[in-house]
Amino acid sequence: MAKCALTREQQKKTALLKLDAGCKARDVSREHGVSVRTLYRWRANVMRNRQRVDGNERLRTLEIEHRRLRQRFAELTLDYATLRAALMKDVKGDC
């Protein structure tokens, strides 16, 4: 049973590769023994899965960037507070 599922997945991959290579859907469907509609359904599922993965990668990238920016903001705030305190001491010392 698992062997049959594996060959089905291989069949999907090869059919979609041929379809993406520019072969006509009718010829590919006839060669693999499936309908043209099935080919387009397989391709739609693959595209949906790719978008989901791309979305997850994008989210992960944004989270990393957000973390980096928050860290940088904290450093700049500390620098600002330090410089402001030093300036206040200088102003008080001159008077």
PDB file of N, CA and C in Angstrom:
ATOM      1  N   MET A   1       0.813  -1.179   0.000  1.00  0.00           N
ATOM      2  CA  MET A   1       0.000   0.000   0.000  1.00  0.00           C
ATOM      3  C   MET A   1       0.869   1.260   0.000  1.00  0.00           C
ATOM      4  N   ALA A   2       1.926   1.287   0.811  1.00  0.00           N
ATOM      5  CA  ALA A   2       2.804   2.446   0.842  1.00  0.00           C
ATOM      6  C   ALA A   2       3.532   2.588  -0.491  1.00  0.00           C
ATOM      7  N   LYS A   3       3.854   1.474  -1.109  1.00  0.00           N
ATOM      8  CA  LYS A   3       4.550   1.521  -2.386  1.00  0.00           C
ATOM      9  C   LYS A   3       3.650   2.172  -3.442  1.00  0.00           C
ATOM     10  N   CYS A   4       2.398   1.904  -3.408  1.00  0.00           N
ATOM     11  CA  CYS A   4       1.447   2.470  -4.351  1.00  0.00           C
ATOM     12  C   CYS A   4       1.339   3.988  -4.152  1.00  0.00           C
ATOM     13  N   ALA A   5       1.320   4.427  -2.898  1.00  0.00           N
ATOM     14  CA  ALA A   5       1.235   5.857  -2.610  1.00  0.00           C
ATOM     15  C   ALA A   5       2.497   6.570  -3.063  1.00  0.00           C
ATOM     16  N   LEU A   6       3.634   5.906  -2.904  1.00  0.00           N
ATOM     17  CA  LEU A   6       4.890   6.503  -3.319  1.00  0.00           C
ATOM     18  C   LEU A   6       4.920   6.675  -4.831  1.00  0.00           C
ATOM     19  N   THR A   7       4.471   5.678  -5.558  1.00  0.00           N
ATOM     20  CA  THR A   7       4.468   5.801  -7.006  1.00  0.00           C
ATOM     21  C   THR A   7       3.472   6.865  -7.448  1.00  0.00           C
ATOM     22  N   ARG A   8       2.383   7.047  -6.713  1.00  0.00           N
ATOM     23  CA  ARG A   8       1.407   8.085  -7.029  1.00  0.00           C
ATOM     24  C   ARG A   8       2.049   9.463  -6.878  1.00  0.00           C
ATOM     25  N   GLU A   9       2.827   9.641  -5.795  1.00  0.00           N
ATOM     26  CA  GLU A   9       3.511  10.912  -5.586  1.00  0.00           C
ATOM     27  C   GLU A   9       4.558  11.148  -6.675  1.00  0.00           C
ATOM     28  N   GLN A  10       5.263  10.103  -7.040  1.00  0.00           N
ATOM     29  CA  GLN A  10       6.241  10.238  -8.120  1.00  0.00           C
ATOM     30  C   GLN A  10       5.542  10.582  -9.426  1.00  0.00           C
ATOM     31  N   GLN A  11       4.399   9.974  -9.644  1.00  0.00           N
ATOM     32  CA  GLN A  11       3.628  10.249 -10.844  1.00  0.00           C
ATOM     33  C   GLN A  11       3.200  11.720 -10.866  1.00  0.00           C
ATOM     34  N   LYS A  12       2.761  12.229  -9.737  1.00  0.00           N
ATOM     35  CA  LYS A  12       2.371  13.632  -9.653  1.00  0.00           C
ATOM     36  C   LYS A  12       3.546  14.542  -9.982  1.00  0.00           C
ATOM     37  N   LYS A  13       4.699  14.242  -9.369  1.00  0.00           N
ATOM     38  CA  LYS A  13       5.867  15.086  -9.578  1.00  0.00           C
ATOM     39  C   LYS A  13       6.310  15.099 -11.029  1.00  0.00           C
ATOM     40  N   THR A  14       6.385  13.925 -11.640  1.00  0.00           N
ATOM     41  CA  THR A  14       6.838  13.872 -13.035  1.00  0.00           C
ATOM     42  C   THR A  14       5.833  14.549 -13.961  1.00  0.00           C
ATOM     43  N   ALA A  15       4.559  14.351 -13.697  1.00  0.00           N
ATOM     44  CA  ALA A  15       3.537  14.976 -14.538  1.00  0.00           C
ATOM     45  C   ALA A  15       3.603  16.490 -14.420  1.00  0.00           C
ATOM     46  N   LEU A  16       3.767  16.996 -13.214  1.00  0.00           N
ATOM     47  CA  LEU A  16       3.823  18.444 -13.022  1.00  0.00           C
ATOM     48  C   LEU A  16       5.100  19.043 -13.597  1.00  0.00           C
ATOM     49  N   LEU A  17       6.199  18.284 -13.519  1.00  0.00           N
ATOM     50  CA  LEU A  17       7.439  18.763 -14.128  1.00  0.00           C
ATOM     51  C   LEU A  17       7.290  18.883 -15.639  1.00  0.00           C
ATOM     52  N   LYS A  18       6.644  17.890 -16.242  1.00  0.00           N
ATOM     53  CA  LYS A  18       6.425  17.939 -17.684  1.00  0.00           C
ATOM     54  C   LYS A  18       5.489  19.086 -18.050  1.00  0.00           C
ATOM     55  N   LEU A  19       4.486  19.295 -17.222  1.00  0.00           N
ATOM     56  CA  LEU A  19       3.541  20.384 -17.464  1.00  0.00           C
ATOM     57  C   LEU A  19       4.244  21.740 -17.356  1.00  0.00           C
ATOM     58  N   ASP A  20       5.119  21.883 -16.368  1.00  0.00           N
ATOM     59  CA  ASP A  20       5.868  23.129 -16.197  1.00  0.00           C
ATOM     60  C   ASP A  20       6.912  23.319 -17.294  1.00  0.00           C
ATOM     61  N   ALA A  21       7.387  22.209 -17.863  1.00  0.00           N
ATOM     62  CA  ALA A  21       8.386  22.293 -18.930  1.00  0.00           C
ATOM     63  C   ALA A  21       7.788  22.790 -20.237  1.00  0.00           C
ATOM     64  N   GLY A  22       6.464  22.774 -20.327  1.00  0.00           N
ATOM     65  CA  GLY A  22       5.824  23.315 -21.511  1.00  0.00           C
ATOM     66  C   GLY A  22       5.070  22.292 -22.336  1.00  0.00           C
ATOM     67  N   CYS A  23       5.003  21.056 -21.878  1.00  0.00           N
ATOM     68  CA  CYS A  23       4.222  20.051 -22.602  1.00  0.00           C
ATOM     69  C   CYS A  23       2.739  20.379 -22.467  1.00  0.00           C
ATOM     70  N   LYS A  24       1.978  19.965 -23.444  1.00  0.00           N
ATOM     71  CA  LYS A  24       0.537  20.220 -23.398  1.00  0.00           C
ATOM     72  C   LYS A  24      -0.102  19.351 -22.324  1.00  0.00           C
ATOM     73  N   ALA A  25      -1.083  19.929 -21.640  1.00  0.00           N
ATOM     74  CA  ALA A  25      -1.755  19.230 -20.549  1.00  0.00           C
ATOM     75  C   ALA A  25      -2.448  17.974 -21.063  1.00  0.00           C
ATOM     76  N   ARG A  26      -3.003  18.041 -22.252  1.00  0.00           N
ATOM     77  CA  ARG A  26      -3.700  16.883 -22.817  1.00  0.00           C
ATOM     78  C   ARG A  26      -2.729  15.717 -23.027  1.00  0.00           C
ATOM     79  N   ASP A  27      -1.518  16.011 -23.541  1.00  0.00           N
ATOM     80  CA  ASP A  27      -0.532  14.959 -23.774  1.00  0.00           C
ATOM     81  C   ASP A  27      -0.032  14.355 -22.465  1.00  0.00           C
ATOM     82  N   VAL A  28       0.223  15.209 -21.481  1.00  0.00           N
ATOM     83  CA  VAL A  28       0.712  14.726 -20.181  1.00  0.00           C
ATOM     84  C   VAL A  28      -0.359  13.889 -19.498  1.00  0.00           C
ATOM     85  N   SER A  29      -1.603  14.340 -19.564  1.00  0.00           N
ATOM     86  CA  SER A  29      -2.674  13.590 -18.907  1.00  0.00           C
ATOM     87  C   SER A  29      -2.880  12.232 -19.580  1.00  0.00           C
ATOM     88  N   ARG A  30      -2.778  12.192 -20.868  1.00  0.00           N
ATOM     89  CA  ARG A  30      -2.934  10.930 -21.583  1.00  0.00           C
ATOM     90  C   ARG A  30      -1.791   9.974 -21.236  1.00  0.00           C
ATOM     91  N   GLU A  31      -0.587  10.508 -21.128  1.00  0.00           N
ATOM     92  CA  GLU A  31       0.582   9.681 -20.809  1.00  0.00           C
ATOM     93  C   GLU A  31       0.493   9.080 -19.410  1.00  0.00           C
ATOM     94  N   HIS A  32      -0.027   9.856 -18.465  1.00  0.00           N
ATOM     95  CA  HIS A  32      -0.089   9.388 -17.069  1.00  0.00           C
ATOM     96  C   HIS A  32      -1.433   8.761 -16.705  1.00  0.00           C
ATOM     97  N   GLY A  33      -2.374   8.810 -17.602  1.00  0.00           N
ATOM     98  CA  GLY A  33      -3.655   8.163 -17.360  1.00  0.00           C
ATOM     99  C   GLY A  33      -4.555   8.897 -16.389  1.00  0.00           C
ATOM    100  N   VAL A  34      -4.457  10.209 -16.352  1.00  0.00           N
ATOM    101  CA  VAL A  34      -5.325  11.017 -15.501  1.00  0.00           C
ATOM    102  C   VAL A  34      -5.986  12.076 -16.371  1.00  0.00           C
ATOM    103  N   SER A  35      -6.994  12.723 -15.832  1.00  0.00           N
ATOM    104  CA  SER A  35      -7.685  13.762 -16.601  1.00  0.00           C
ATOM    105  C   SER A  35      -6.896  15.069 -16.540  1.00  0.00           C
ATOM    106  N   VAL A  36      -7.201  15.934 -17.470  1.00  0.00           N
ATOM    107  CA  VAL A  36      -6.564  17.249 -17.491  1.00  0.00           C
ATOM    108  C   VAL A  36      -6.941  18.023 -16.232  1.00  0.00           C
ATOM    109  N   ARG A  37      -8.177  17.881 -15.821  1.00  0.00           N
ATOM    110  CA  ARG A  37      -8.646  18.554 -14.601  1.00  0.00           C
ATOM    111  C   ARG A  37      -7.834  18.105 -13.384  1.00  0.00           C
ATOM    112  N   THR A  38      -7.500  16.812 -13.331  1.00  0.00           N
ATOM    113  CA  THR A  38      -6.698  16.290 -12.225  1.00  0.00           C
ATOM    114  C   THR A  38      -5.321  16.931 -12.223  1.00  0.00           C
ATOM    115  N   LEU A  39      -4.731  17.102 -13.382  1.00  0.00           N
ATOM    116  CA  LEU A  39      -3.414  17.755 -13.464  1.00  0.00           C
ATOM    117  C   LEU A  39      -3.474  19.172 -12.906  1.00  0.00           C
ATOM    118  N   TYR A  40      -4.498  19.904 -13.320  1.00  0.00           N
ATOM    119  CA  TYR A  40      -4.620  21.277 -12.844  1.00  0.00           C
ATOM    120  C   TYR A  40      -4.911  21.324 -11.343  1.00  0.00           C
ATOM    121  N   ARG A  41      -5.635  20.348 -10.835  1.00  0.00           N
ATOM    122  CA  ARG A  41      -5.906  20.277  -9.394  1.00  0.00           C
ATOM    123  C   ARG A  41      -4.611  20.000  -8.635  1.00  0.00           C
ATOM    124  N   TRP A  42      -3.792  19.079  -9.157  1.00  0.00           N
ATOM    125  CA  TRP A  42      -2.499  18.791  -8.537  1.00  0.00           C
ATOM    126  C   TRP A  42      -1.633  20.041  -8.516  1.00  0.00           C
ATOM    127  N   ARG A  43      -1.604  20.760  -9.631  1.00  0.00           N
ATOM    128  CA  ARG A  43      -0.776  21.952  -9.709  1.00  0.00           C
ATOM    129  C   ARG A  43      -1.275  23.021  -8.732  1.00  0.00           C
ATOM    130  N   ALA A  44      -2.572  23.167  -8.596  1.00  0.00           N
ATOM    131  CA  ALA A  44      -3.128  24.140  -7.653  1.00  0.00           C
ATOM    132  C   ALA A  44      -2.751  23.782  -6.218  1.00  0.00           C
ATOM    133  N   ASN A  45      -2.799  22.495  -5.883  1.00  0.00           N
ATOM    134  CA  ASN A  45      -2.420  22.063  -4.531  1.00  0.00           C
ATOM    135  C   ASN A  45      -0.953  22.352  -4.254  1.00  0.00           C
ATOM    136  N   VAL A  46      -0.114  22.095  -5.238  1.00  0.00           N
ATOM    137  CA  VAL A  46       1.316  22.353  -5.065  1.00  0.00           C
ATOM    138  C   VAL A  46       1.560  23.845  -4.866  1.00  0.00           C
ATOM    139  N   MET A  47       0.877  24.676  -5.645  1.00  0.00           N
ATOM    140  CA  MET A  47       1.045  26.122  -5.523  1.00  0.00           C
ATOM    141  C   MET A  47       0.564  26.626  -4.159  1.00  0.00           C
ATOM    142  N   ARG A  48      -0.545  26.072  -3.666  1.00  0.00           N
ATOM    143  CA  ARG A  48      -1.044  26.455  -2.342  1.00  0.00           C
ATOM    144  C   ARG A  48      -0.033  26.102  -1.258  1.00  0.00           C
ATOM    145  N   ASN A  49       0.551  24.907  -1.369  1.00  0.00           N
ATOM    146  CA  ASN A  49       1.543  24.485  -0.381  1.00  0.00           C
ATOM    147  C   ASN A  49       2.780  25.377  -0.431  1.00  0.00           C
ATOM    148  N   ARG A  50       3.199  25.774  -1.627  1.00  0.00           N
ATOM    149  CA  ARG A  50       4.362  26.654  -1.758  1.00  0.00           C
ATOM    150  C   ARG A  50       4.079  27.998  -1.112  1.00  0.00           C
ATOM    151  N   GLN A  51       2.884  28.529  -1.322  1.00  0.00           N
ATOM    152  CA  GLN A  51       2.546  29.818  -0.735  1.00  0.00           C
ATOM    153  C   GLN A  51       2.522  29.733   0.780  1.00  0.00           C
ATOM    154  N   ARG A  52       2.038  28.620   1.303  1.00  0.00           N
ATOM    155  CA  ARG A  52       2.002  28.449   2.751  1.00  0.00           C
ATOM    156  C   ARG A  52       3.422  28.426   3.305  1.00  0.00           C
ATOM    157  N   VAL A  53       4.314  27.710   2.629  1.00  0.00           N
ATOM    158  CA  VAL A  53       5.706  27.641   3.070  1.00  0.00           C
ATOM    159  C   VAL A  53       6.363  29.007   2.938  1.00  0.00           C
ATOM    160  N   ASP A  54       6.115  29.703   1.826  1.00  0.00           N
ATOM    161  CA  ASP A  54       6.675  31.038   1.641  1.00  0.00           C
ATOM    162  C   ASP A  54       6.176  31.989   2.722  1.00  0.00           C
ATOM    163  N   GLY A  55       4.927  31.866   3.094  1.00  0.00           N
ATOM    164  CA  GLY A  55       4.370  32.701   4.150  1.00  0.00           C
ATOM    165  C   GLY A  55       5.036  32.436   5.487  1.00  0.00           C
ATOM    166  N   ASN A  56       5.310  31.169   5.778  1.00  0.00           N
ATOM    167  CA  ASN A  56       5.971  30.822   7.037  1.00  0.00           C
ATOM    168  C   ASN A  56       7.399  31.364   7.059  1.00  0.00           C
ATOM    169  N   GLU A  57       8.101  31.259   5.936  1.00  0.00           N
ATOM    170  CA  GLU A  57       9.460  31.790   5.866  1.00  0.00           C
ATOM    171  C   GLU A  57       9.449  33.306   6.027  1.00  0.00           C
ATOM    172  N   ARG A  58       8.490  33.949   5.408  1.00  0.00           N
ATOM    173  CA  ARG A  58       8.379  35.407   5.503  1.00  0.00           C
ATOM    174  C   ARG A  58       8.103  35.822   6.944  1.00  0.00           C
ATOM    175  N   LEU A  59       7.213  35.096   7.618  1.00  0.00           N
ATOM    176  CA  LEU A  59       6.911  35.394   9.011  1.00  0.00           C
ATOM    177  C   LEU A  59       8.158  35.233   9.877  1.00  0.00           C
ATOM    178  N   ARG A  60       8.904  34.164   9.668  1.00  0.00           N
ATOM    179  CA  ARG A  60      10.111  33.919  10.440  1.00  0.00           C
ATOM    180  C   ARG A  60      11.130  35.041  10.208  1.00  0.00           C
ATOM    181  N   THR A  61      11.270  35.472   8.960  1.00  0.00           N
ATOM    182  CA  THR A  61      12.198  36.550   8.633  1.00  0.00           C
ATOM    183  C   THR A  61      11.774  37.852   9.311  1.00  0.00           C
ATOM    184  N   LEU A  62      10.483  38.135   9.276  1.00  0.00           N
ATOM    185  CA  LEU A  62       9.992  39.353   9.918  1.00  0.00           C
ATOM    186  C   LEU A  62      10.181  39.313  11.432  1.00  0.00           C
ATOM    187  N   GLU A  63      10.002  38.158  12.039  1.00  0.00           N
ATOM    188  CA  GLU A  63      10.201  38.037  13.480  1.00  0.00           C
ATOM    189  C   GLU A  63      11.660  38.287  13.851  1.00  0.00           C
ATOM    190  N   ILE A  64      12.578  37.777  13.049  1.00  0.00           N
ATOM    191  CA  ILE A  64      14.006  37.991  13.300  1.00  0.00           C
ATOM    192  C   ILE A  64      14.348  39.471  13.155  1.00  0.00           C
ATOM    193  N   GLU A  65      13.824  40.100  12.103  1.00  0.00           N
ATOM    194  CA  GLU A  65      14.084  41.519  11.893  1.00  0.00           C
ATOM    195  C   GLU A  65      13.491  42.360  13.022  1.00  0.00           C
ATOM    196  N   HIS A  66      12.300  42.008  13.464  1.00  0.00           N
ATOM    197  CA  HIS A  66      11.655  42.722  14.565  1.00  0.00           C
ATOM    198  C   HIS A  66      12.491  42.627  15.836  1.00  0.00           C
ATOM    199  N   ARG A  67      12.987  41.439  16.124  1.00  0.00           N
ATOM    200  CA  ARG A  67      13.822  41.237  17.306  1.00  0.00           C
ATOM    201  C   ARG A  67      15.097  42.087  17.217  1.00  0.00           C
ATOM    202  N   ARG A  68      15.702  42.127  16.025  1.00  0.00           N
ATOM    203  CA  ARG A  68      16.921  42.910  15.826  1.00  0.00           C
ATOM    204  C   ARG A  68      16.644  44.405  16.004  1.00  0.00           C
ATOM    205  N   LEU A  69      15.542  44.881  15.461  1.00  0.00           N
ATOM    206  CA  LEU A  69      15.201  46.299  15.576  1.00  0.00           C
ATOM    207  C   LEU A  69      14.877  46.696  17.012  1.00  0.00           C
ATOM    208  N   ARG A  70      14.213  45.813  17.736  1.00  0.00           N
ATOM    209  CA  ARG A  70      13.921  46.112  19.143  1.00  0.00           C
ATOM    210  C   ARG A  70      15.208  46.221  19.953  1.00  0.00           C
ATOM    211  N   GLN A  71      16.153  45.326  19.665  1.00  0.00           N
ATOM    212  CA  GLN A  71      17.446  45.361  20.355  1.00  0.00           C
ATOM    213  C   GLN A  71      18.187  46.657  20.039  1.00  0.00           C
ATOM    214  N   ARG A  72      18.179  47.035  18.771  1.00  0.00           N
ATOM    215  CA  ARG A  72      18.847  48.268  18.350  1.00  0.00           C
ATOM    216  C   ARG A  72      18.184  49.490  19.004  1.00  0.00           C
ATOM    217  N   PHE A  73      16.854  49.488  19.071  1.00  0.00           N
ATOM    218  CA  PHE A  73      16.130  50.584  19.716  1.00  0.00           C
ATOM    219  C   PHE A  73      16.507  50.690  21.189  1.00  0.00           C
ATOM    220  N   ALA A  74      16.618  49.559  21.862  1.00  0.00           N
ATOM    221  CA  ALA A  74      16.992  49.564  23.274  1.00  0.00           C
ATOM    222  C   ALA A  74      18.402  50.131  23.454  1.00  0.00           C
ATOM    223  N   GLU A  75      19.323  49.766  22.580  1.00  0.00           N
ATOM    224  CA  GLU A  75      20.683  50.285  22.661  1.00  0.00           C
ATOM    225  C   GLU A  75      20.705  51.799  22.443  1.00  0.00           C
ATOM    226  N   LEU A  76      19.969  52.279  21.448  1.00  0.00           N
ATOM    227  CA  LEU A  76      19.940  53.708  21.170  1.00  0.00           C
ATOM    228  C   LEU A  76      19.287  54.494  22.305  1.00  0.00           C
ATOM    229  N   THR A  77      18.263  53.936  22.910  1.00  0.00           N
ATOM    230  CA  THR A  77      17.609  54.591  24.046  1.00  0.00           C
ATOM    231  C   THR A  77      18.572  54.708  25.216  1.00  0.00           C
ATOM    232  N   LEU A  78      19.339  53.664  25.454  1.00  0.00           N
ATOM    233  CA  LEU A  78      20.326  53.696  26.538  1.00  0.00           C
ATOM    234  C   LEU A  78      21.412  54.727  26.234  1.00  0.00           C
ATOM    235  N   ASP A  79      21.879  54.760  24.988  1.00  0.00           N
ATOM    236  CA  ASP A  79      22.879  55.765  24.605  1.00  0.00           C
ATOM    237  C   ASP A  79      22.338  57.177  24.805  1.00  0.00           C
ATOM    238  N   TYR A  80      21.111  57.395  24.405  1.00  0.00           N
ATOM    239  CA  TYR A  80      20.483  58.710  24.545  1.00  0.00           C
ATOM    240  C   TYR A  80      20.395  59.113  26.022  1.00  0.00           C
ATOM    241  N   ALA A  81      19.973  58.190  26.852  1.00  0.00           N
ATOM    242  CA  ALA A  81      19.838  58.489  28.282  1.00  0.00           C
ATOM    243  C   ALA A  81      21.203  58.797  28.897  1.00  0.00           C
ATOM    244  N   THR A  82      22.212  58.048  28.485  1.00  0.00           N
ATOM    245  CA  THR A  82      23.562  58.275  29.009  1.00  0.00           C
ATOM    246  C   THR A  82      24.091  59.642  28.590  1.00  0.00           C
ATOM    247  N   LEU A  83      23.930  59.957  27.311  1.00  0.00           N
ATOM    248  CA  LEU A  83      24.403  61.255  26.818  1.00  0.00           C
ATOM    249  C   LEU A  83      23.639  62.413  27.456  1.00  0.00           C
ATOM    250  N   ARG A  84      22.363  62.240  27.653  1.00  0.00           N
ATOM    251  CA  ARG A  84      21.555  63.299  28.273  1.00  0.00           C
ATOM    252  C   ARG A  84      21.992  63.516  29.727  1.00  0.00           C
ATOM    253  N   ALA A  85      22.266  62.431  30.446  1.00  0.00           N
ATOM    254  CA  ALA A  85      22.724  62.557  31.835  1.00  0.00           C
ATOM    255  C   ALA A  85      24.087  63.239  31.884  1.00  0.00           C
ATOM    256  N   ALA A  86      24.975  62.895  30.941  1.00  0.00           N
ATOM    257  CA  ALA A  86      26.293  63.535  30.912  1.00  0.00           C
ATOM    258  C   ALA A  86      26.178  65.011  30.588  1.00  0.00           C
ATOM    259  N   LEU A  87      25.275  65.365  29.669  1.00  0.00           N
ATOM    260  CA  LEU A  87      25.073  66.762  29.316  1.00  0.00           C
ATOM    261  C   LEU A  87      24.510  67.552  30.487  1.00  0.00           C
ATOM    262  N   MET A  88      23.610  66.962  31.239  1.00  0.00           N
ATOM    263  CA  MET A  88      23.024  67.637  32.397  1.00  0.00           C
ATOM    264  C   MET A  88      24.100  67.907  33.462  1.00  0.00           C
ATOM    265  N   LYS A  89      25.035  66.972  33.622  1.00  0.00           N
ATOM    266  CA  LYS A  89      26.115  67.164  34.606  1.00  0.00           C
ATOM    267  C   LYS A  89      27.024  68.309  34.148  1.00  0.00           C
ATOM    268  N   ASP A  90      27.315  68.366  32.818  1.00  0.00           N
ATOM    269  CA  ASP A  90      28.158  69.424  32.298  1.00  0.00           C
ATOM    270  C   ASP A  90      27.506  70.790  32.466  1.00  0.00           C
ATOM    271  N   VAL A  91      26.230  70.869  32.220  1.00  0.00           N
ATOM    272  CA  VAL A  91      25.520  72.144  32.348  1.00  0.00           C
ATOM    273  C   VAL A  91      25.481  72.598  33.792  1.00  0.00           C
ATOM    274  N   LYS A  92      25.256  71.677  34.716  1.00  0.00           N
ATOM    275  CA  LYS A  92      25.214  72.037  36.130  1.00  0.00           C
ATOM    276  C   LYS A  92      26.591  72.455  36.632  1.00  0.00           C
ATOM    277  N   GLY A  93      27.630  71.848  36.106  1.00  0.00           N
ATOM    278  CA  GLY A  93      28.990  72.183  36.553  1.00  0.00           C
ATOM    279  C   GLY A  93      29.412  73.567  36.111  1.00  0.00           C
ATOM    280  N   ASP A  94      28.919  74.033  34.964  1.00  0.00           N
ATOM    281  CA  ASP A  94      29.308  75.349  34.442  1.00  0.00           C
ATOM    282  C   ASP A  94      28.626  76.470  35.225  1.00  0.00           C
ATOM    283  N   CYS A  95      27.472  76.252  35.756  1.00  0.00           N
ATOM    284  CA  CYS A  95      26.725  77.323  36.446  1.00  0.00           C
ATOM    285  C   CYS A  95      27.281  77.468  37.788  1.00  0.00           C
TER     286      CYS A  95
END
